[in-house]
Amino acid sequence: MALSPKLDLRQTQSLVMTPLLMQSIRLLQLTHVELEQFIELEIEKNPLLERDDTAPDHISFESRDFSDDRGPGEAGDYNRNVLSGDSEGNADGSGSSDQGEHWLVSGESTSSGSMSDTFDSSLENIFPDDPGTHDFIAGDLASQWKSSSGDGYVSSGGEGFNLEQVTAAPLTLRDHVGEQIIFAFEKAADRLVAAELADHLDEMGYLRADVAEIAERLGVEAADVEKLIAILQTFEPAGLFARDLAECLAIQLRAKNRLDPAMAALLQNLELLAKRDFQTLKKLCRVADGDLLDMLQEIRLLDPKPGTAFSSGVADSIIPDVEVDMAPDGTWSIELNPDALPRVLVNNTYYASIAKVTASPAEKGFLSECLQNANWLTRSLDQRAQTILKVATEIVRQQSEFLQFGVAHLKPLNLRNVADAIGMHESTVSRVTANKYMLTKRGVFELRYFFNAAISAMDGGEQHSSQSVRHQIKLLIDNEKPEDILSDDTIVDLLKDQGVDIARRTVAKYREAMNIASSVQRRREKKAQASVRKGDGNSGFIRHTGVESRRVGR
């Protein structure tokens, strides 16, 4: 068969994701803060968009009794009179669219229907974090005062102080240390070295610097740098400029006049404390059981991370997207939080007035595109609200016993269970539950908290959730007796008696995830506590505030 070039026309069908549709998918997984930022950018670009500043009503799902076990797709009808509105807007411009253990131990229109059908497409959403930085200034008092105001002082524009920003600026660790440096050192050279050391503080307040390297770079003696560090370690809060945990705790105890030889020996052997080897610690510290426990209690009251008391930036507060409450008749009320739902209107009145005087084809095209994008945004926000409400309602239906009775009643649940019940794809449910929060009477939970793995039952009955099994493990360990410490194998047997089919390695994994020590370590600790309760005190030191008196045991 001879080969020859020719033109061949073929008609095919394919799914193409338009830019507007891609944006619609991204809106599903945006947090409240990210959505607000996105809408602000759209309002800046689109003259037909404006904020709706009227007080919004709660967008709610009609109260339901979830005691019955409905099948997939029977989650209930949504209050569409509240959810939906005239997405295209009205002539008068009124439209609607409606987040343990203690440290020591283009131009195509997109309909609402088409968006529903294709929301399951995958799209990666990345928002780079670009936190601002604040320069530390070590100099005269005036310049230090300016730096301590954070972003409130404008030095380049000559506009002076912004009073609102000055009063609201959080006090950072570097600002706090810088103020103390000014009054602690008279010589400018000492202030320079101290400022350099302050630059090497991490967020916990520890000094992460090589003294010899700093001394060589600044042209001073290493011994002089050590003397300055000793002064810096007297700054408030106590514990700053320590090189390790033991030194941090020692600084705090020294400030309280509690760093005696016994406590110093304890701080030098923190690794034994981590292993709960109390017998060896008693010998090294030369104290009795009761004194050792008093020392441990005193250490527990110290702050191992003194620098974290200061803000390094503005902390983000969690605004729940969904609010769940139980009515007096036992039904659940699921509402979308209006504070987490940005309201945007399409100003059709302005569009009509501008369209009358627009003659250029380019201007008409721009105006038409703005109207299309504005209508798309209102529809997308409406679709997003409905989808969140739909997923949240099904989660409440599936986990109603947890909301009523606690974590022991948390059921195994995965994305497919919810997706099948509401007729959506798993990827859609995954996007909706990402970084969304639900406010309940038991607290604020991320929607993904309700999804957990299943643990098989012994008799093939109803499966147990991983969270509820962890809760059972914790209860067993909390209620164990000092003379009968439960090993992982024993816990496995007890759980099997309760109908939970679980392996020993799974119990160990859950126990470690909850920061619970092994049975050997727990046995050592509880034996030490039991001996104190029996009044054992034949040897060691009697420890007083700042004073020691030896008592010889026979």
Protein backbone atom coordinates (compact mmCIF):
# COMPACT_ATOMS: atom_id res chain seq x y z
CA MET A 1 0.00 0.00 0.00
CA ALA A 2 1.50 3.29 -1.11
CA LEU A 3 2.05 6.07 1.40
CA SER A 4 0.80 9.51 0.43
CA PRO A 5 0.01 12.72 2.33
CA LYS A 6 -3.65 13.70 2.64
CA LEU A 7 -6.00 15.78 4.79
CA ASP A 8 -8.36 13.84 7.02
CA LEU A 9 -11.15 15.46 9.09
CA ARG A 10 -12.24 13.67 12.25
CA GLN A 11 -14.81 14.61 14.86
CA THR A 12 -14.00 13.60 18.43
CA GLN A 13 -15.27 14.41 21.89
CA SER A 14 -13.01 15.18 24.82
CA LEU A 15 -13.23 16.80 28.22
CA VAL A 16 -11.42 20.11 28.44
CA MET A 17 -11.02 21.93 31.72
CA THR A 18 -11.46 25.66 31.21
CA PRO A 19 -9.55 28.18 33.35
CA LEU A 20 -12.76 29.18 35.10
CA LEU A 21 -13.53 25.59 35.95
CA MET A 22 -10.02 25.09 37.29
CA GLN A 23 -10.53 28.08 39.55
CA SER A 24 -13.84 26.63 40.74
CA ILE A 25 -12.10 23.44 41.78
CA ARG A 26 -9.45 25.40 43.63
CA LEU A 27 -12.10 27.30 45.57
CA LEU A 28 -13.25 24.05 47.16
CA GLN A 29 -9.99 23.45 49.01
CA LEU A 30 -9.21 27.05 49.96
CA THR A 31 -9.33 27.95 53.64
CA HIS A 32 -11.36 30.88 54.87
CA VAL A 33 -8.32 33.18 54.90
CA GLU A 34 -7.15 32.09 51.46
CA LEU A 35 -10.65 32.55 50.06
CA GLU A 36 -10.82 36.07 51.47
CA GLN A 37 -7.50 36.91 49.83
CA PHE A 38 -8.64 35.46 46.52
CA ILE A 39 -11.88 37.46 46.57
CA GLU A 40 -10.03 40.68 47.40
CA LEU A 41 -7.87 40.18 44.31
CA GLU A 42 -10.94 39.49 42.16
CA ILE A 43 -12.68 42.63 43.42
CA GLU A 44 -9.60 44.70 42.59
CA LYS A 45 -9.55 43.32 39.04
CA ASN A 46 -13.29 43.29 38.37
CA PRO A 47 -15.24 46.59 38.65
CA LEU A 48 -18.57 44.75 38.65
CA LEU A 49 -17.85 42.90 41.89
CA GLU A 50 -18.52 44.37 45.30
CA ARG A 51 -18.75 43.19 48.88
CA ASP A 52 -22.09 42.50 50.51
CA ASP A 53 -21.74 44.15 53.91
CA THR A 54 -25.21 43.24 55.13
CA ALA A 55 -25.37 40.92 58.10
CA PRO A 56 -25.66 37.38 56.69
CA ASP A 57 -28.03 34.75 57.98
CA HIS A 58 -26.82 31.29 58.89
CA ILE A 59 -26.93 28.95 55.93
CA SER A 60 -28.31 25.84 57.48
CA PHE A 61 -29.40 22.34 56.87
CA GLU A 62 -32.85 21.61 58.17
CA SER A 63 -32.70 19.84 61.52
CA ARG A 64 -32.83 16.09 61.14
CA ASP A 65 -32.99 13.07 63.38
CA PHE A 66 -30.11 10.83 62.30
CA SER A 67 -31.13 7.93 64.48
CA ASP A 68 -32.43 6.10 61.43
CA ASP A 69 -29.92 4.42 59.15
CA ARG A 70 -30.51 5.78 55.71
CA GLY A 71 -28.73 4.43 52.73
CA PRO A 72 -26.40 6.22 50.35
CA GLY A 73 -27.82 9.26 48.68
CA GLU A 74 -30.46 9.83 51.36
CA ALA A 75 -28.75 12.50 53.39
CA GLY A 76 -31.73 14.82 53.08
CA ASP A 77 -32.82 17.86 51.13
CA TYR A 78 -30.97 21.10 51.59
CA ASN A 79 -32.58 24.43 52.28
CA ARG A 80 -32.02 25.75 48.80
CA ASN A 81 -34.12 28.84 49.49
CA VAL A 82 -31.32 29.93 51.74
CA LEU A 83 -28.39 28.48 49.85
CA SER A 84 -29.23 29.52 46.35
CA GLY A 85 -30.07 32.91 44.97
CA ASP A 86 -30.13 34.83 41.75
CA SER A 87 -26.57 34.23 40.69
CA GLU A 88 -26.97 36.37 37.67
CA GLY A 89 -27.94 39.37 39.79
CA ASN A 90 -30.93 41.67 39.60
CA ALA A 91 -31.42 44.87 37.73
CA ASP A 92 -30.95 46.94 40.85
CA GLY A 93 -27.57 45.38 41.44
CA SER A 94 -28.63 43.08 44.25
CA GLY A 95 -27.45 39.55 43.76
CA SER A 96 -26.72 36.87 46.26
CA SER A 97 -24.08 34.28 46.92
CA ASP A 98 -23.52 32.85 49.82
CA GLN A 99 -9.56 25.61 60.91
CA GLY A 100 -0.27 14.97 76.05
CA GLU A 101 2.24 14.09 78.06
CA HIS A 102 4.37 16.65 79.92
CA TRP A 103 7.56 17.72 78.14
CA LEU A 104 9.74 16.14 80.80
CA VAL A 105 8.53 12.72 80.65
CA SER A 106 -10.94 32.71 29.37
CA GLY A 107 -14.13 33.30 28.02
CA GLU A 108 -16.41 30.28 28.03
CA SER A 109 -19.47 30.31 30.24
CA THR A 110 -19.58 27.78 32.98
CA SER A 111 -22.88 26.64 34.38
CA SER A 112 -23.52 25.42 37.88
CA GLY A 113 -24.40 22.01 36.52
CA SER A 114 -21.21 21.63 34.56
CA MET A 115 -19.21 22.56 37.61
CA SER A 116 -20.95 19.89 39.66
CA ASP A 117 -20.10 17.28 37.05
CA THR A 118 -16.44 18.16 36.76
CA PHE A 119 -15.47 19.20 40.28
CA ASP A 120 -13.83 15.81 40.60
CA SER A 121 -10.90 16.83 38.40
CA SER A 122 -7.56 17.08 40.10
CA LEU A 123 -5.74 20.34 40.58
CA GLU A 124 -2.78 21.12 42.75
CA ASN A 125 -3.10 24.19 44.93
CA ILE A 126 0.02 25.77 46.32
CA PHE A 127 0.14 29.01 48.24
CA PRO A 128 3.73 29.90 49.14
CA ASP A 129 4.24 31.33 52.57
CA ASP A 130 6.15 34.59 52.63
CA PRO A 131 6.39 35.73 56.21
CA GLY A 132 7.83 39.14 56.81
CA THR A 133 11.04 39.63 58.73
CA HIS A 134 11.99 42.16 61.32
CA ASP A 135 15.54 43.47 61.63
CA PHE A 136 17.03 43.57 65.07
CA ILE A 137 18.60 46.91 65.87
CA ALA A 138 21.15 47.19 68.63
CA GLY A 139 22.10 50.78 69.11
CA ASP A 140 20.97 53.85 70.97
CA LEU A 141 17.72 53.95 72.88
CA ALA A 142 15.82 55.91 70.25
CA SER A 143 16.58 53.46 67.46
CA GLN A 144 15.76 50.56 69.74
CA TRP A 145 12.38 52.13 70.55
CA LYS A 146 11.68 52.41 66.86
CA SER A 147 12.54 48.77 66.24
CA SER A 148 10.42 47.61 69.15
CA SER A 149 7.33 48.97 67.45
CA GLY A 150 7.49 46.26 64.82
CA ASP A 151 5.90 47.33 61.56
CA GLY A 152 4.31 50.39 63.11
CA TYR A 153 7.28 52.66 62.43
CA VAL A 154 7.83 53.80 58.86
CA SER A 155 11.43 54.90 58.50
CA SER A 156 11.75 55.25 54.76
CA GLY A 157 8.68 57.23 53.82
CA GLY A 158 9.00 59.89 56.48
CA GLU A 159 5.43 59.27 57.60
CA GLY A 160 6.36 58.61 61.23
CA PHE A 161 4.37 56.23 63.39
CA ASN A 162 1.23 54.38 62.45
CA LEU A 163 -0.50 54.41 65.83
CA GLU A 164 -2.81 51.47 65.13
CA GLN A 165 0.05 49.22 64.04
CA VAL A 166 2.28 50.30 66.92
CA THR A 167 -0.30 49.43 69.57
CA ALA A 168 -1.18 46.13 67.90
CA ALA A 169 2.39 44.99 67.14
CA PRO A 170 3.32 41.85 69.14
CA LEU A 171 6.47 41.90 71.26
CA THR A 172 9.01 39.57 69.73
CA LEU A 173 11.81 37.78 71.56
CA ARG A 174 14.47 39.84 69.77
CA ASP A 175 12.73 43.10 70.70
CA HIS A 176 12.50 42.02 74.34
CA VAL A 177 16.15 41.00 74.50
CA GLY A 178 17.24 44.14 72.66
CA GLU A 179 15.62 46.39 75.24
CA GLN A 180 17.48 44.60 78.05
CA ILE A 181 20.80 44.79 76.19
CA ILE A 182 20.63 48.58 76.15
CA PHE A 183 20.40 48.84 79.92
CA ALA A 184 22.67 45.89 80.77
CA PHE A 185 25.81 47.03 78.91
CA GLU A 186 27.45 50.44 79.06
CA LYS A 187 30.15 49.90 76.43
CA ALA A 188 29.16 50.04 72.78
CA ALA A 189 31.50 47.12 72.03
CA ASP A 190 29.72 44.94 74.58
CA ARG A 191 26.35 45.89 73.12
CA LEU A 192 27.61 44.94 69.66
CA VAL A 193 28.72 41.48 70.79
CA ALA A 194 25.50 41.00 72.78
CA ALA A 195 23.43 41.94 69.74
CA GLU A 196 25.37 39.42 67.65
CA LEU A 197 24.65 36.72 70.23
CA ALA A 198 20.98 37.70 70.29
CA ASP A 199 20.87 37.21 66.52
CA HIS A 200 21.72 33.53 67.12
CA LEU A 201 18.77 32.84 69.44
CA ASP A 202 16.31 30.34 68.06
CA GLU A 203 12.56 30.54 68.59
CA MET A 204 12.87 28.60 71.87
CA GLY A 205 15.42 31.06 73.31
CA TYR A 206 18.47 28.79 72.99
CA LEU A 207 21.82 30.15 71.82
CA ARG A 208 22.74 28.39 68.59
CA ALA A 209 26.20 29.83 67.95
CA ASP A 210 29.86 28.88 68.16
CA VAL A 211 31.50 31.17 70.73
CA ALA A 212 34.95 30.80 69.18
CA GLU A 213 33.63 31.67 65.73
CA ILE A 214 31.84 34.79 66.98
CA ALA A 215 34.90 35.87 68.95
CA GLU A 216 37.14 35.48 65.90
CA ARG A 217 34.74 37.31 63.60
CA LEU A 218 34.30 40.26 65.98
CA GLY A 219 37.94 40.36 67.06
CA VAL A 220 37.39 39.72 70.77
CA GLU A 221 38.56 37.09 73.20
CA ALA A 222 36.41 33.98 73.63
CA ALA A 223 36.62 34.41 77.40
CA ASP A 224 35.10 37.89 77.09
CA VAL A 225 32.25 36.47 75.01
CA GLU A 226 31.61 33.85 77.70
CA LYS A 227 31.43 36.64 80.31
CA LEU A 228 28.84 38.45 78.20
CA ILE A 229 26.85 35.22 77.82
CA ALA A 230 26.82 34.87 81.62
CA ILE A 231 25.27 38.34 81.85
CA LEU A 232 22.80 37.60 79.06
CA GLN A 233 21.71 34.48 80.92
CA THR A 234 20.40 36.73 83.71
CA PHE A 235 17.86 38.30 81.34
CA GLU A 236 14.16 37.75 81.70
CA PRO A 237 12.60 35.32 81.19
CA ALA A 238 15.06 33.04 82.95
CA GLY A 239 16.54 30.36 80.74
CA LEU A 240 17.46 32.46 77.70
CA PHE A 241 20.87 32.05 76.02
CA ALA A 242 21.27 28.46 77.26
CA ARG A 243 23.18 26.04 75.05
CA ASP A 244 21.18 22.93 76.01
CA LEU A 245 18.23 21.81 78.11
CA ALA A 246 20.27 21.15 81.25
CA GLU A 247 21.77 24.64 81.17
CA CYS A 248 18.35 26.18 80.53
CA LEU A 249 16.88 24.48 83.59
CA ALA A 250 19.96 25.32 85.66
CA ILE A 251 19.61 29.02 84.82
CA GLN A 252 16.01 29.01 85.98
CA LEU A 253 16.84 27.16 89.20
CA ARG A 254 19.75 29.50 89.90
CA ALA A 255 17.41 32.48 89.52
CA LYS A 256 15.21 30.90 92.23
CA ASN A 257 18.23 30.05 94.44
CA ARG A 258 17.39 26.35 94.06
CA LEU A 259 20.47 25.06 92.23
CA ASP A 260 21.98 22.91 94.98
CA PRO A 261 24.41 19.98 94.44
CA ALA A 262 21.61 17.41 94.38
CA MET A 263 19.70 19.32 91.71
CA ALA A 264 22.90 19.88 89.73
CA ALA A 265 23.57 16.14 89.77
CA LEU A 266 20.05 15.53 88.52
CA LEU A 267 20.48 17.97 85.64
CA GLN A 268 23.75 16.30 84.67
CA ASN A 269 21.92 12.98 84.29
CA LEU A 270 18.74 13.88 82.45
CA GLU A 271 19.22 10.85 80.21
CA LEU A 272 18.58 8.64 83.25
CA LEU A 273 15.42 10.59 83.92
CA ALA A 274 14.27 9.94 80.37
CA LYS A 275 14.82 6.22 81.00
CA ARG A 276 13.02 6.53 84.37
CA ASP A 277 15.98 4.96 86.13
CA PHE A 278 15.11 6.44 89.53
CA GLN A 279 17.27 4.08 91.56
CA THR A 280 20.45 5.26 89.85
CA LEU A 281 19.32 8.87 90.10
CA LYS A 282 18.79 8.52 93.86
CA LYS A 283 22.35 7.25 94.27
CA LEU A 284 23.87 9.99 92.13
CA CYS A 285 21.86 12.75 93.79
CA ARG A 286 22.20 11.15 97.25
CA VAL A 287 18.57 11.78 98.13
CA ALA A 288 15.61 9.72 99.32
CA ASP A 289 12.60 8.77 97.23
CA GLY A 290 10.48 11.61 98.53
CA ASP A 291 13.18 14.20 97.91
CA LEU A 292 13.73 12.90 94.39
CA LEU A 293 10.04 13.20 93.55
CA ASP A 294 10.02 16.73 94.98
CA MET A 295 12.96 17.59 92.74
CA LEU A 296 11.20 16.15 89.71
CA GLN A 297 8.06 18.10 90.52
CA GLU A 298 10.11 21.27 90.81
CA ILE A 299 11.70 20.66 87.41
CA ARG A 300 8.30 20.06 85.86
CA LEU A 301 7.32 23.60 86.83
CA LEU A 302 10.21 25.05 84.79
CA ASP A 303 9.92 26.20 81.19
CA PRO A 304 12.13 24.21 78.78
CA LYS A 305 11.38 26.69 75.96
CA PRO A 306 11.40 30.19 77.48
CA GLY A 307 11.57 31.92 74.11
CA THR A 308 8.20 30.64 72.95
CA ALA A 309 6.44 33.05 75.31
CA PHE A 310 7.07 35.77 72.74
CA SER A 311 5.33 36.07 69.43
CA SER A 312 7.35 35.77 66.24
CA GLY A 313 4.33 36.74 64.19
CA VAL A 314 0.57 36.98 64.26
CA ALA A 315 -1.02 33.70 65.25
CA ASP A 316 -3.81 32.52 63.00
CA SER A 317 -7.09 31.89 64.76
CA ILE A 318 -9.35 29.07 63.64
CA ILE A 319 -12.73 30.14 62.31
CA PRO A 320 -15.03 27.11 62.05
CA ASP A 321 -16.69 26.65 58.69
CA VAL A 322 -19.57 24.59 60.07
CA GLU A 323 -21.48 24.85 63.34
CA VAL A 324 -23.28 21.81 64.73
CA ASP A 325 -25.72 21.85 67.61
CA MET A 326 -28.37 19.54 68.99
CA ALA A 327 -31.91 20.83 69.32
CA PRO A 328 -34.00 20.06 72.42
CA ASP A 329 -35.94 17.43 70.46
CA GLY A 330 -32.73 15.47 69.77
CA THR A 331 -32.26 16.50 66.14
CA TRP A 332 -29.08 17.96 64.71
CA SER A 333 -28.81 21.47 63.32
CA ILE A 334 -25.94 21.93 60.86
CA GLU A 335 -25.19 25.50 59.81
CA LEU A 336 -22.49 27.18 57.78
CA ASN A 337 -20.72 29.88 59.72
CA PRO A 338 -21.52 33.22 58.00
CA ASP A 339 -18.19 34.64 59.21
CA ALA A 340 -16.41 32.05 57.04
CA LEU A 341 -18.56 32.74 53.96
CA PRO A 342 -17.48 35.79 51.96
CA ARG A 343 -20.49 37.48 50.34
CA VAL A 344 -20.02 38.98 46.88
CA LEU A 345 -22.55 40.84 44.71
CA VAL A 346 -22.64 41.54 40.98
CA ASN A 347 -23.45 45.20 40.38
CA ASN A 348 -25.74 44.87 37.36
CA THR A 349 -26.89 48.49 37.67
CA TYR A 350 -23.34 49.70 37.15
CA TYR A 351 -22.92 47.26 34.27
CA ALA A 352 -26.07 48.55 32.55
CA SER A 353 -25.00 52.18 32.88
CA ILE A 354 -21.49 51.51 31.55
CA ALA A 355 -22.71 49.30 28.70
CA LYS A 356 -24.85 52.17 27.33
CA VAL A 357 -21.85 54.46 26.82
CA THR A 358 -19.36 51.82 25.70
CA ALA A 359 -18.67 51.95 21.96
CA SER A 360 -15.25 50.35 21.47
CA PRO A 361 -15.29 46.60 20.71
CA ALA A 362 -12.33 46.11 23.06
CA GLU A 363 -14.16 47.87 25.89
CA LYS A 364 -17.32 45.87 25.23
CA GLY A 365 -15.30 42.66 25.28
CA PHE A 366 -13.65 43.61 28.57
CA LEU A 367 -17.00 44.51 30.13
CA SER A 368 -18.58 41.26 28.95
CA GLU A 369 -15.68 39.26 30.35
CA CYS A 370 -15.97 41.04 33.71
CA LEU A 371 -19.68 40.23 33.89
CA GLN A 372 -19.04 36.60 33.02
CA ASN A 373 -16.28 36.28 35.63
CA ALA A 374 -18.43 37.98 38.26
CA ASN A 375 -21.35 35.64 37.64
CA TRP A 376 -18.97 32.69 37.69
CA LEU A 377 -17.58 33.72 41.07
CA THR A 378 -21.00 34.05 42.68
CA ARG A 379 -22.04 30.66 41.33
CA SER A 380 -18.78 29.07 42.47
CA LEU A 381 -19.14 30.45 45.98
CA ASP A 382 -22.71 29.18 46.11
CA GLN A 383 -21.60 25.75 44.88
CA ARG A 384 -18.76 25.69 47.42
CA ALA A 385 -21.13 26.49 50.29
CA GLN A 386 -23.58 23.79 49.24
CA THR A 387 -20.84 21.19 48.89
CA ILE A 388 -19.33 21.94 52.31
CA LEU A 389 -22.76 21.77 53.92
CA LYS A 390 -23.57 18.53 52.15
CA VAL A 391 -20.34 16.82 53.23
CA ALA A 392 -20.59 18.14 56.80
CA THR A 393 -24.17 16.90 57.10
CA GLU A 394 -23.19 13.40 56.05
CA ILE A 395 -20.27 13.42 58.51
CA VAL A 396 -22.66 14.38 61.32
CA ARG A 397 -25.03 11.60 60.27
CA GLN A 398 -22.23 9.03 60.27
CA GLN A 399 -20.61 10.23 63.52
CA SER A 400 -23.66 11.33 65.51
CA GLU A 401 -22.83 8.92 68.35
CA PHE A 402 -19.38 10.48 68.74
CA LEU A 403 -20.92 13.95 68.98
CA GLN A 404 -23.32 12.70 71.65
CA PHE A 405 -21.23 10.30 73.73
CA GLY A 406 -17.53 10.93 73.02
CA VAL A 407 -14.48 9.48 71.31
CA ALA A 408 -15.20 5.91 72.39
CA HIS A 409 -18.13 5.96 69.94
CA LEU A 410 -16.18 7.30 66.96
CA LYS A 411 -16.92 5.05 64.00
CA PRO A 412 -14.51 4.00 61.25
CA LEU A 413 -15.05 6.29 58.28
CA ASN A 414 -13.27 6.96 55.00
CA LEU A 415 -13.73 9.31 52.08
CA ARG A 416 -15.46 6.68 49.97
CA ASN A 417 -18.19 6.18 52.58
CA VAL A 418 -19.12 9.85 52.49
CA ALA A 419 -18.66 10.18 48.73
CA ASP A 420 -20.98 7.25 48.01
CA ALA A 421 -23.60 8.54 50.44
CA ILE A 422 -23.85 12.00 48.88
CA GLY A 423 -23.18 11.03 45.26
CA MET A 424 -19.81 12.75 44.83
CA HIS A 425 -16.31 11.63 43.99
CA GLU A 426 -13.72 10.94 46.68
CA SER A 427 -11.47 13.71 45.36
CA THR A 428 -14.26 16.25 45.85
CA VAL A 429 -14.81 15.14 49.44
CA SER A 430 -11.04 15.26 50.01
CA ARG A 431 -10.85 18.86 48.80
CA VAL A 432 -13.84 19.94 50.85
CA THR A 433 -12.51 18.45 54.09
CA ALA A 434 -9.02 19.94 53.69
CA ASN A 435 -8.43 22.68 56.29
CA LYS A 436 -12.14 23.01 57.12
CA TYR A 437 -13.30 22.97 60.72
CA MET A 438 -16.49 22.03 62.54
CA LEU A 439 -17.64 23.59 65.81
CA THR A 440 -19.40 21.13 68.11
CA LYS A 441 -20.25 20.99 71.80
CA ARG A 442 -17.12 18.83 72.20
CA GLY A 443 -14.84 21.42 70.64
CA VAL A 444 -13.54 22.43 67.23
CA PHE A 445 -12.49 19.56 64.97
CA GLU A 446 -10.99 19.50 61.52
CA LEU A 447 -13.34 17.68 59.18
CA ARG A 448 -10.62 15.13 58.47
CA TYR A 449 -10.53 14.21 62.15
CA PHE A 450 -13.75 12.24 61.64
CA PHE A 451 -12.06 9.99 59.04
CA ASN A 452 -10.10 7.17 60.65
CA ALA A 453 -9.05 3.63 59.93
CA ALA A 454 -11.07 0.58 60.89
CA ILE A 455 -9.96 -2.12 63.34
CA SER A 456 -11.54 -5.52 62.79
CA ALA A 457 -13.86 -7.07 65.35
CA MET A 458 -13.21 -10.53 66.78
CA ASP A 459 -16.61 -11.93 65.89
CA GLY A 460 -16.78 -10.27 62.49
CA GLY A 461 -19.24 -7.70 63.81
CA GLU A 462 -19.10 -3.92 63.63
CA GLN A 463 -15.58 -2.58 63.15
CA HIS A 464 -13.89 -0.23 65.61
CA SER A 465 -12.30 3.09 64.71
CA SER A 466 -8.60 3.61 65.35
CA GLN A 467 -9.34 6.65 67.53
CA SER A 468 -11.71 4.74 69.78
CA VAL A 469 -9.16 1.91 70.13
CA ARG A 470 -6.51 4.43 71.15
CA HIS A 471 -8.94 5.78 73.72
CA GLN A 472 -9.48 2.27 75.11
CA ILE A 473 -5.71 1.69 75.33
CA LYS A 474 -5.27 4.94 77.25
CA LEU A 475 -8.07 4.05 79.67
CA LEU A 476 -6.54 0.64 80.36
CA ILE A 477 -3.12 2.15 81.10
CA ASP A 478 -4.56 4.96 83.22
CA ASN A 479 -6.40 2.46 85.41
CA GLU A 480 -3.57 -0.07 85.82
CA LYS A 481 -2.26 -0.80 89.31
CA PRO A 482 1.41 -0.32 90.33
CA GLU A 483 1.75 -4.02 91.14
CA ASP A 484 0.10 -5.07 87.88
CA ILE A 485 1.52 -3.00 85.01
CA LEU A 486 0.00 -3.95 81.68
CA SER A 487 2.36 -5.07 78.94
CA ASP A 488 1.47 -4.63 75.28
CA ASP A 489 0.62 -8.34 75.04
CA THR A 490 -1.71 -8.04 78.03
CA ILE A 491 -3.41 -5.03 76.46
CA VAL A 492 -3.92 -7.05 73.28
CA ASP A 493 -5.64 -9.80 75.29
CA LEU A 494 -7.86 -7.30 77.11
CA LEU A 495 -8.87 -5.64 73.86
CA LYS A 496 -9.66 -9.00 72.32
CA ASP A 497 -11.94 -9.69 75.29
CA GLN A 498 -13.74 -6.46 74.32
CA GLY A 499 -14.09 -7.67 70.73
CA VAL A 500 -11.18 -5.75 69.18
CA ASP A 501 -8.91 -7.78 66.90
CA ILE A 502 -5.56 -5.99 67.07
CA ALA A 503 -1.89 -6.93 66.82
CA ARG A 504 0.70 -6.23 69.51
CA ARG A 505 2.77 -4.02 67.19
CA THR A 506 -0.32 -1.91 66.54
CA VAL A 507 -0.84 -1.44 70.28
CA ALA A 508 2.81 -0.40 70.62
CA LYS A 509 2.45 2.05 67.75
CA TYR A 510 -0.68 3.64 69.22
CA ARG A 511 0.90 3.79 72.68
CA GLU A 512 4.01 5.54 71.38
CA ALA A 513 1.88 7.95 69.34
CA MET A 514 0.16 8.98 72.59
CA ASN A 515 3.58 9.47 74.29
CA ILE A 516 2.91 6.68 76.79
CA ALA A 517 6.00 4.94 78.15
CA SER A 518 6.64 1.23 77.93
CA SER A 519 5.54 -1.13 80.69
CA VAL A 520 9.11 -1.34 82.05
CA GLN A 521 9.41 2.43 82.41
CA ARG A 522 5.92 2.77 83.88
CA ARG A 523 6.70 0.05 86.43
CA ARG A 524 9.83 1.91 87.60
CA GLU A 525 7.97 5.18 87.97
CA LYS A 526 5.00 3.74 89.86
CA LYS A 527 7.24 1.76 92.20
CA ALA A 528 9.04 4.98 93.12
CA GLN A 529 5.74 6.72 93.75
CA ALA A 530 4.45 3.81 95.82
CA SER A 531 7.55 3.76 98.02
CA VAL A 532 7.07 7.45 98.80
CA ARG A 533 3.47 6.83 99.86
CA LYS A 534 4.71 4.15 102.28
CA GLY A 535 6.93 6.74 103.96
CA ASP A 536 10.35 5.41 102.94
CA GLY A 537 12.98 7.92 104.06
CA ASN A 538 16.05 6.34 105.64
CA SER A 539 18.87 7.88 103.66
CA GLY A 540 19.92 10.87 101.71
CA PHE A 541 19.48 14.61 102.20
CA ILE A 542 16.68 16.63 103.74
CA ARG A 543 16.35 19.50 101.26
CA HIS A 544 15.29 22.98 102.29
CA THR A 545 15.02 26.21 100.35
CA GLY A 546 18.57 27.19 99.50
CA VAL A 547 20.00 25.04 102.36
CA GLU A 548 20.97 21.38 102.79
CA SER A 549 21.29 19.39 105.99
CA ARG A 550 22.58 15.80 105.91
CA ARG A 551 20.63 13.09 107.70
CA VAL A 552 22.52 9.81 108.09
CA GLY A 553 20.42 6.67 107.85
CA ARG A 554 21.15 3.55 109.78
